[in-house]
Amino acid sequence: MSSLLLRTLELTFYHLVIRFVDRLSRLPRSSVPPDVMRLYRENLALKVQVDALAAELINSGGKKAHMSLRTRTAQV
């Protein structure tokens, strides 16, 4: 029981210290940098593109459709 009480006091103390430091530094904690969001969106777009290509290969029976070099470079 005393261990639980000590842990609770320790958690409360550290919580108060973190809140004090946050107020002192005035830095936003919950914002996401724009670069991270851009990379996340690009990653999602690439995953969707891979899924679409995989579905296209499955529907075509595993045969690759002929595609010109110009079209393939435009996809990248």
PDB file of N, CA and C in Angstrom:
ATOM      1  N   MET A   1       0.816  -1.193   0.000  1.00  0.00           N
ATOM      2  CA  MET A   1       0.000   0.000   0.000  1.00  0.00           C
ATOM      3  C   MET A   1       0.865   1.265   0.000  1.00  0.00           C
ATOM      4  N   SER A   2       1.908   1.218   0.810  1.00  0.00           N
ATOM      5  CA  SER A   2       2.785   2.386   0.862  1.00  0.00           C
ATOM      6  C   SER A   2       3.532   2.560  -0.464  1.00  0.00           C
ATOM      7  N   SER A   3       3.802   1.458  -1.167  1.00  0.00           N
ATOM      8  CA  SER A   3       4.459   1.536  -2.467  1.00  0.00           C
ATOM      9  C   SER A   3       3.555   2.252  -3.473  1.00  0.00           C
ATOM     10  N   LEU A   4       2.293   1.945  -3.435  1.00  0.00           N
ATOM     11  CA  LEU A   4       1.342   2.597  -4.320  1.00  0.00           C
ATOM     12  C   LEU A   4       1.247   4.092  -4.016  1.00  0.00           C
ATOM     13  N   LEU A   5       1.249   4.439  -2.761  1.00  0.00           N
ATOM     14  CA  LEU A   5       1.200   5.841  -2.363  1.00  0.00           C
ATOM     15  C   LEU A   5       2.454   6.584  -2.821  1.00  0.00           C
ATOM     16  N   LEU A   6       3.612   5.958  -2.667  1.00  0.00           N
ATOM     17  CA  LEU A   6       4.865   6.582  -3.110  1.00  0.00           C
ATOM     18  C   LEU A   6       4.891   6.772  -4.622  1.00  0.00           C
ATOM     19  N   ARG A   7       4.415   5.779  -5.356  1.00  0.00           N
ATOM     20  CA  ARG A   7       4.364   5.894  -6.822  1.00  0.00           C
ATOM     21  C   ARG A   7       3.419   7.012  -7.258  1.00  0.00           C
ATOM     22  N   THR A   8       2.298   7.129  -6.573  1.00  0.00           N
ATOM     23  CA  THR A   8       1.343   8.181  -6.893  1.00  0.00           C
ATOM     24  C   THR A   8       1.946   9.557  -6.630  1.00  0.00           C
ATOM     25  N   LEU A   9       2.627   9.714  -5.503  1.00  0.00           N
ATOM     26  CA  LEU A   9       3.290  10.982  -5.195  1.00  0.00           C
ATOM     27  C   LEU A   9       4.392  11.292  -6.202  1.00  0.00           C
ATOM     28  N   GLU A  10       5.132  10.274  -6.596  1.00  0.00           N
ATOM     29  CA  GLU A  10       6.196  10.465  -7.586  1.00  0.00           C
ATOM     30  C   GLU A  10       5.611  10.897  -8.933  1.00  0.00           C
ATOM     31  N   LEU A  11       4.550  10.254  -9.363  1.00  0.00           N
ATOM     32  CA  LEU A  11       3.900  10.612 -10.617  1.00  0.00           C
ATOM     33  C   LEU A  11       3.356  12.044 -10.563  1.00  0.00           C
ATOM     34  N   THR A  12       2.738  12.402  -9.453  1.00  0.00           N
ATOM     35  CA  THR A  12       2.218  13.757  -9.286  1.00  0.00           C
ATOM     36  C   THR A  12       3.338  14.781  -9.329  1.00  0.00           C
ATOM     37  N   PHE A  13       4.444  14.490  -8.651  1.00  0.00           N
ATOM     38  CA  PHE A  13       5.580  15.407  -8.640  1.00  0.00           C
ATOM     39  C   PHE A  13       6.123  15.612 -10.055  1.00  0.00           C
ATOM     40  N   TYR A  14       6.352  14.533 -10.797  1.00  0.00           N
ATOM     41  CA  TYR A  14       6.897  14.653 -12.147  1.00  0.00           C
ATOM     42  C   TYR A  14       5.903  15.333 -13.094  1.00  0.00           C
ATOM     43  N   HIS A  15       4.638  15.081 -12.899  1.00  0.00           N
ATOM     44  CA  HIS A  15       3.624  15.743 -13.708  1.00  0.00           C
ATOM     45  C   HIS A  15       3.672  17.257 -13.498  1.00  0.00           C
ATOM     46  N   LEU A  16       3.791  17.673 -12.253  1.00  0.00           N
ATOM     47  CA  LEU A  16       3.875  19.103 -11.951  1.00  0.00           C
ATOM     48  C   LEU A  16       5.154  19.717 -12.498  1.00  0.00           C
ATOM     49  N   VAL A  17       6.265  18.996 -12.424  1.00  0.00           N
ATOM     50  CA  VAL A  17       7.527  19.498 -12.965  1.00  0.00           C
ATOM     51  C   VAL A  17       7.432  19.671 -14.481  1.00  0.00           C
ATOM     52  N   ILE A  18       6.854  18.710 -15.163  1.00  0.00           N
ATOM     53  CA  ILE A  18       6.716  18.793 -16.617  1.00  0.00           C
ATOM     54  C   ILE A  18       5.798  19.960 -16.994  1.00  0.00           C
ATOM     55  N   ARG A  19       4.712  20.144 -16.278  1.00  0.00           N
ATOM     56  CA  ARG A  19       3.822  21.278 -16.571  1.00  0.00           C
ATOM     57  C   ARG A  19       4.525  22.604 -16.346  1.00  0.00           C
ATOM     58  N   PHE A  20       5.324  22.687 -15.289  1.00  0.00           N
ATOM     59  CA  PHE A  20       6.067  23.911 -15.003  1.00  0.00           C
ATOM     60  C   PHE A  20       7.066  24.218 -16.116  1.00  0.00           C
ATOM     61  N   VAL A  21       7.801  23.209 -16.555  1.00  0.00           N
ATOM     62  CA  VAL A  21       8.780  23.402 -17.632  1.00  0.00           C
ATOM     63  C   VAL A  21       8.084  23.773 -18.935  1.00  0.00           C
ATOM     64  N   ASP A  22       6.948  23.166 -19.220  1.00  0.00           N
ATOM     65  CA  ASP A  22       6.187  23.518 -20.432  1.00  0.00           C
ATOM     66  C   ASP A  22       5.753  24.981 -20.403  1.00  0.00           C
ATOM     67  N   ARG A  23       5.271  25.431 -19.266  1.00  0.00           N
ATOM     68  CA  ARG A  23       4.838  26.830 -19.167  1.00  0.00           C
ATOM     69  C   ARG A  23       6.025  27.775 -19.261  1.00  0.00           C
ATOM     70  N   LEU A  24       7.144  27.366 -18.707  1.00  0.00           N
ATOM     71  CA  LEU A  24       8.333  28.201 -18.728  1.00  0.00           C
ATOM     72  C   LEU A  24       8.906  28.305 -20.137  1.00  0.00           C
ATOM     73  N   SER A  25       8.947  27.197 -20.864  1.00  0.00           N
ATOM     74  CA  SER A  25       9.535  27.196 -22.206  1.00  0.00           C
ATOM     75  C   SER A  25       8.566  27.717 -23.263  1.00  0.00           C
ATOM     76  N   ARG A  26       7.265  27.601 -23.031  1.00  0.00           N
ATOM     77  CA  ARG A  26       6.217  28.061 -23.957  1.00  0.00           C
ATOM     78  C   ARG A  26       6.347  27.458 -25.344  1.00  0.00           C
ATOM     79  N   LEU A  27       6.831  26.254 -25.451  1.00  0.00           N
ATOM     80  CA  LEU A  27       6.920  25.569 -26.732  1.00  0.00           C
ATOM     81  C   LEU A  27       5.665  24.734 -26.940  1.00  0.00           C
ATOM     82  N   PRO A  28       5.120  24.737 -28.148  1.00  0.00           N
ATOM     83  CA  PRO A  28       3.933  23.900 -28.388  1.00  0.00           C
ATOM     84  C   PRO A  28       4.311  22.425 -28.387  1.00  0.00           C
ATOM     85  N   ARG A  29       3.546  21.631 -27.665  1.00  0.00           N
ATOM     86  CA  ARG A  29       3.842  20.207 -27.551  1.00  0.00           C
ATOM     87  C   ARG A  29       3.036  19.366 -28.528  1.00  0.00           C
ATOM     88  N   SER A  30       1.865  19.828 -28.907  1.00  0.00           N
ATOM     89  CA  SER A  30       0.972  18.962 -29.677  1.00  0.00           C
ATOM     90  C   SER A  30       1.005  19.229 -31.179  1.00  0.00           C
ATOM     91  N   SER A  31       1.758  20.201 -31.627  1.00  0.00           N
ATOM     92  CA  SER A  31       1.754  20.494 -33.058  1.00  0.00           C
ATOM     93  C   SER A  31       2.687  19.549 -33.803  1.00  0.00           C
ATOM     94  N   VAL A  32       2.320  19.244 -35.030  1.00  0.00           N
ATOM     95  CA  VAL A  32       3.120  18.371 -35.880  1.00  0.00           C
ATOM     96  C   VAL A  32       3.830  19.254 -36.912  1.00  0.00           C
ATOM     97  N   PRO A  33       5.138  19.099 -37.050  1.00  0.00           N
ATOM     98  CA  PRO A  33       5.844  19.916 -38.051  1.00  0.00           C
ATOM     99  C   PRO A  33       5.308  19.656 -39.462  1.00  0.00           C
ATOM    100  N   PRO A  34       5.282  20.679 -40.312  1.00  0.00           N
ATOM    101  CA  PRO A  34       4.721  20.515 -41.659  1.00  0.00           C
ATOM    102  C   PRO A  34       5.481  19.488 -42.496  1.00  0.00           C
ATOM    103  N   ASP A  35       6.792  19.371 -42.295  1.00  0.00           N
ATOM    104  CA  ASP A  35       7.569  18.388 -43.061  1.00  0.00           C
ATOM    105  C   ASP A  35       7.121  16.965 -42.751  1.00  0.00           C
ATOM    106  N   VAL A  36       6.808  16.714 -41.500  1.00  0.00           N
ATOM    107  CA  VAL A  36       6.361  15.376 -41.113  1.00  0.00           C
ATOM    108  C   VAL A  36       5.018  15.054 -41.767  1.00  0.00           C
ATOM    109  N   MET A  37       4.120  16.029 -41.782  1.00  0.00           N
ATOM    110  CA  MET A  37       2.814  15.800 -42.416  1.00  0.00           C
ATOM    111  C   MET A  37       2.969  15.585 -43.921  1.00  0.00           C
ATOM    112  N   ARG A  38       3.874  16.316 -44.550  1.00  0.00           N
ATOM    113  CA  ARG A  38       4.091  16.148 -45.992  1.00  0.00           C
ATOM    114  C   ARG A  38       4.610  14.743 -46.274  1.00  0.00           C
ATOM    115  N   LEU A  39       5.590  14.290 -45.477  1.00  0.00           N
ATOM    116  CA  LEU A  39       6.131  12.943 -45.673  1.00  0.00           C
ATOM    117  C   LEU A  39       5.074  11.879 -45.417  1.00  0.00           C
ATOM    118  N   TYR A  40       4.225  12.103 -44.426  1.00  0.00           N
ATOM    119  CA  TYR A  40       3.159  11.157 -44.122  1.00  0.00           C
ATOM    120  C   TYR A  40       2.188  11.037 -45.297  1.00  0.00           C
ATOM    121  N   ARG A  41       1.821  12.185 -45.886  1.00  0.00           N
ATOM    122  CA  ARG A  41       0.901  12.159 -47.030  1.00  0.00           C
ATOM    123  C   ARG A  41       1.537  11.480 -48.235  1.00  0.00           C
ATOM    124  N   GLU A  42       2.829  11.764 -48.469  1.00  0.00           N
ATOM    125  CA  GLU A  42       3.517  11.108 -49.583  1.00  0.00           C
ATOM    126  C   GLU A  42       3.576   9.604 -49.367  1.00  0.00           C
ATOM    127  N   ASN A  43       3.806   9.190 -48.138  1.00  0.00           N
ATOM    128  CA  ASN A  43       3.865   7.765 -47.830  1.00  0.00           C
ATOM    129  C   ASN A  43       2.512   7.114 -48.097  1.00  0.00           C
ATOM    130  N   LEU A  44       1.434   7.776 -47.681  1.00  0.00           N
ATOM    131  CA  LEU A  44       0.096   7.233 -47.945  1.00  0.00           C
ATOM    132  C   LEU A  44      -0.174   7.145 -49.439  1.00  0.00           C
ATOM    133  N   ALA A  45       0.230   8.171 -50.183  1.00  0.00           N
ATOM    134  CA  ALA A  45       0.009   8.167 -51.627  1.00  0.00           C
ATOM    135  C   ALA A  45       0.773   7.028 -52.291  1.00  0.00           C
ATOM    136  N   LEU A  46       1.994   6.789 -51.851  1.00  0.00           N
ATOM    137  CA  LEU A  46       2.779   5.691 -52.427  1.00  0.00           C
ATOM    138  C   LEU A  46       2.175   4.332 -52.084  1.00  0.00           C
ATOM    139  N   LYS A  47       1.659   4.184 -50.872  1.00  0.00           N
ATOM    140  CA  LYS A  47       1.022   2.916 -50.493  1.00  0.00           C
ATOM    141  C   LYS A  47      -0.213   2.653 -51.354  1.00  0.00           C
ATOM    142  N   VAL A  48      -0.998   3.686 -51.604  1.00  0.00           N
ATOM    143  CA  VAL A  48      -2.185   3.523 -52.443  1.00  0.00           C
ATOM    144  C   VAL A  48      -1.780   3.154 -53.862  1.00  0.00           C
ATOM    145  N   GLN A  49      -0.712   3.778 -54.352  1.00  0.00           N
ATOM    146  CA  GLN A  49      -0.237   3.473 -55.697  1.00  0.00           C
ATOM    147  C   GLN A  49       0.237   2.027 -55.797  1.00  0.00           C
ATOM    148  N   VAL A  50       0.945   1.541 -54.793  1.00  0.00           N
ATOM    149  CA  VAL A  50       1.407   0.152 -54.796  1.00  0.00           C
ATOM    150  C   VAL A  50       0.221  -0.801 -54.743  1.00  0.00           C
ATOM    151  N   ASP A  51      -0.779  -0.475 -53.911  1.00  0.00           N
ATOM    152  CA  ASP A  51      -1.968  -1.327 -53.839  1.00  0.00           C
ATOM    153  C   ASP A  51      -2.704  -1.370 -55.174  1.00  0.00           C
ATOM    154  N   ALA A  52      -2.798  -0.230 -55.858  1.00  0.00           N
ATOM    155  CA  ALA A  52      -3.476  -0.192 -57.156  1.00  0.00           C
ATOM    156  C   ALA A  52      -2.714  -1.014 -58.188  1.00  0.00           C
ATOM    157  N   LEU A  53      -1.391  -0.920 -58.185  1.00  0.00           N
ATOM    158  CA  LEU A  53      -0.596  -1.708 -59.128  1.00  0.00           C
ATOM    159  C   LEU A  53      -0.700  -3.201 -58.833  1.00  0.00           C
ATOM    160  N   ALA A  54      -0.725  -3.550 -57.556  1.00  0.00           N
ATOM    161  CA  ALA A  54      -0.862  -4.965 -57.191  1.00  0.00           C
ATOM    162  C   ALA A  54      -2.222  -5.499 -57.626  1.00  0.00           C
ATOM    163  N   ALA A  55      -3.272  -4.707 -57.434  1.00  0.00           N
ATOM    164  CA  ALA A  55      -4.612  -5.141 -57.863  1.00  0.00           C
ATOM    165  C   ALA A  55      -4.673  -5.270 -59.375  1.00  0.00           C
ATOM    166  N   GLU A  56      -4.013  -4.372 -60.076  1.00  0.00           N
ATOM    167  CA  GLU A  56      -3.994  -4.439 -61.540  1.00  0.00           C
ATOM    168  C   GLU A  56      -3.271  -5.695 -62.018  1.00  0.00           C
ATOM    169  N   LEU A  57      -2.181  -6.058 -61.357  1.00  0.00           N
ATOM    170  CA  LEU A  57      -1.457  -7.277 -61.731  1.00  0.00           C
ATOM    171  C   LEU A  57      -2.281  -8.523 -61.440  1.00  0.00           C
ATOM    172  N   ILE A  58      -2.993  -8.508 -60.328  1.00  0.00           N
ATOM    173  CA  ILE A  58      -3.810  -9.663 -59.973  1.00  0.00           C
ATOM    174  C   ILE A  58      -4.951  -9.822 -60.983  1.00  0.00           C
ATOM    175  N   ASN A  59      -5.570  -8.711 -61.360  1.00  0.00           N
ATOM    176  CA  ASN A  59      -6.698  -8.768 -62.309  1.00  0.00           C
ATOM    177  C   ASN A  59      -6.252  -9.149 -63.713  1.00  0.00           C
ATOM    178  N   SER A  60      -5.018  -8.837 -64.072  1.00  0.00           N
ATOM    179  CA  SER A  60      -4.554  -9.166 -65.418  1.00  0.00           C
ATOM    180  C   SER A  60      -3.981 -10.584 -65.496  1.00  0.00           C
ATOM    181  N   GLY A  61      -4.061 -11.330 -64.421  1.00  0.00           N
ATOM    182  CA  GLY A  61      -3.595 -12.707 -64.426  1.00  0.00           C
ATOM    183  C   GLY A  61      -2.073 -12.822 -64.322  1.00  0.00           C
ATOM    184  N   GLY A  62      -1.435 -11.826 -63.832  1.00  0.00           N
ATOM    185  CA  GLY A  62       0.014 -11.874 -63.655  1.00  0.00           C
ATOM    186  C   GLY A  62       0.798 -11.418 -64.857  1.00  0.00           C
ATOM    187  N   LYS A  63       0.109 -11.166 -65.970  1.00  0.00           N
ATOM    188  CA  LYS A  63       0.809 -10.700 -67.167  1.00  0.00           C
ATOM    189  C   LYS A  63       1.015  -9.194 -67.065  1.00  0.00           C
ATOM    190  N   LYS A  64       2.197  -8.755 -67.391  1.00  0.00           N
ATOM    191  CA  LYS A  64       2.468  -7.327 -67.367  1.00  0.00           C
ATOM    192  C   LYS A  64       1.971  -6.699 -68.668  1.00  0.00           C
ATOM    193  N   ALA A  65       1.248  -5.634 -68.518  1.00  0.00           N
ATOM    194  CA  ALA A  65       0.791  -4.902 -69.689  1.00  0.00           C
ATOM    195  C   ALA A  65       1.957  -4.106 -70.254  1.00  0.00           C
ATOM    196  N   HIS A  66       2.022  -4.006 -71.574  1.00  0.00           N
ATOM    197  CA  HIS A  66       3.089  -3.250 -72.207  1.00  0.00           C
ATOM    198  C   HIS A  66       2.869  -1.763 -71.954  1.00  0.00           C
ATOM    199  N   MET A  67       3.922  -1.115 -71.483  1.00  0.00           N
ATOM    200  CA  MET A  67       3.831   0.293 -71.173  1.00  0.00           C
ATOM    201  C   MET A  67       5.069   0.987 -71.719  1.00  0.00           C
ATOM    202  N   SER A  68       4.890   2.124 -72.301  1.00  0.00           N
ATOM    203  CA  SER A  68       6.035   2.818 -72.884  1.00  0.00           C
ATOM    204  C   SER A  68       6.934   3.370 -71.780  1.00  0.00           C
ATOM    205  N   LEU A  69       8.157   3.631 -72.142  1.00  0.00           N
ATOM    206  CA  LEU A  69       9.127   4.164 -71.198  1.00  0.00           C
ATOM    207  C   LEU A  69       8.694   5.541 -70.711  1.00  0.00           C
ATOM    208  N   ARG A  70       8.082   6.327 -71.567  1.00  0.00           N
ATOM    209  CA  ARG A  70       7.618   7.652 -71.192  1.00  0.00           C
ATOM    210  C   ARG A  70       6.545   7.563 -70.088  1.00  0.00           C
ATOM    211  N   THR A  71       5.636   6.607 -70.209  1.00  0.00           N
ATOM    212  CA  THR A  71       4.580   6.441 -69.216  1.00  0.00           C
ATOM    213  C   THR A  71       5.159   5.973 -67.891  1.00  0.00           C
ATOM    214  N   ARG A  72       6.099   5.043 -67.967  1.00  0.00           N
ATOM    215  CA  ARG A  72       6.702   4.536 -66.735  1.00  0.00           C
ATOM    216  C   ARG A  72       7.491   5.605 -66.003  1.00  0.00           C
ATOM    217  N   THR A  73       8.213   6.461 -66.726  1.00  0.00           N
ATOM    218  CA  THR A  73       8.956   7.519 -66.047  1.00  0.00           C
ATOM    219  C   THR A  73       8.021   8.576 -65.492  1.00  0.00           C
ATOM    220  N   ALA A  74       6.853   8.781 -66.115  1.00  0.00           N
ATOM    221  CA  ALA A  74       5.883   9.749 -65.596  1.00  0.00           C
ATOM    222  C   ALA A  74       5.280   9.277 -64.288  1.00  0.00           C
ATOM    223  N   GLN A  75       5.224   7.966 -64.075  1.00  0.00           N
ATOM    224  CA  GLN A  75       4.676   7.439 -62.836  1.00  0.00           C
ATOM    225  C   GLN A  75       5.592   7.667 -61.651  1.00  0.00           C
ATOM    226  N   VAL A  76       6.863   7.759 -61.915  1.00  0.00           N
ATOM    227  CA  VAL A  76       7.822   7.965 -60.823  1.00  0.00           C
ATOM    228  C   VAL A  76       7.833   9.398 -60.474  1.00  0.00           C
TER     229      VAL A  76
END
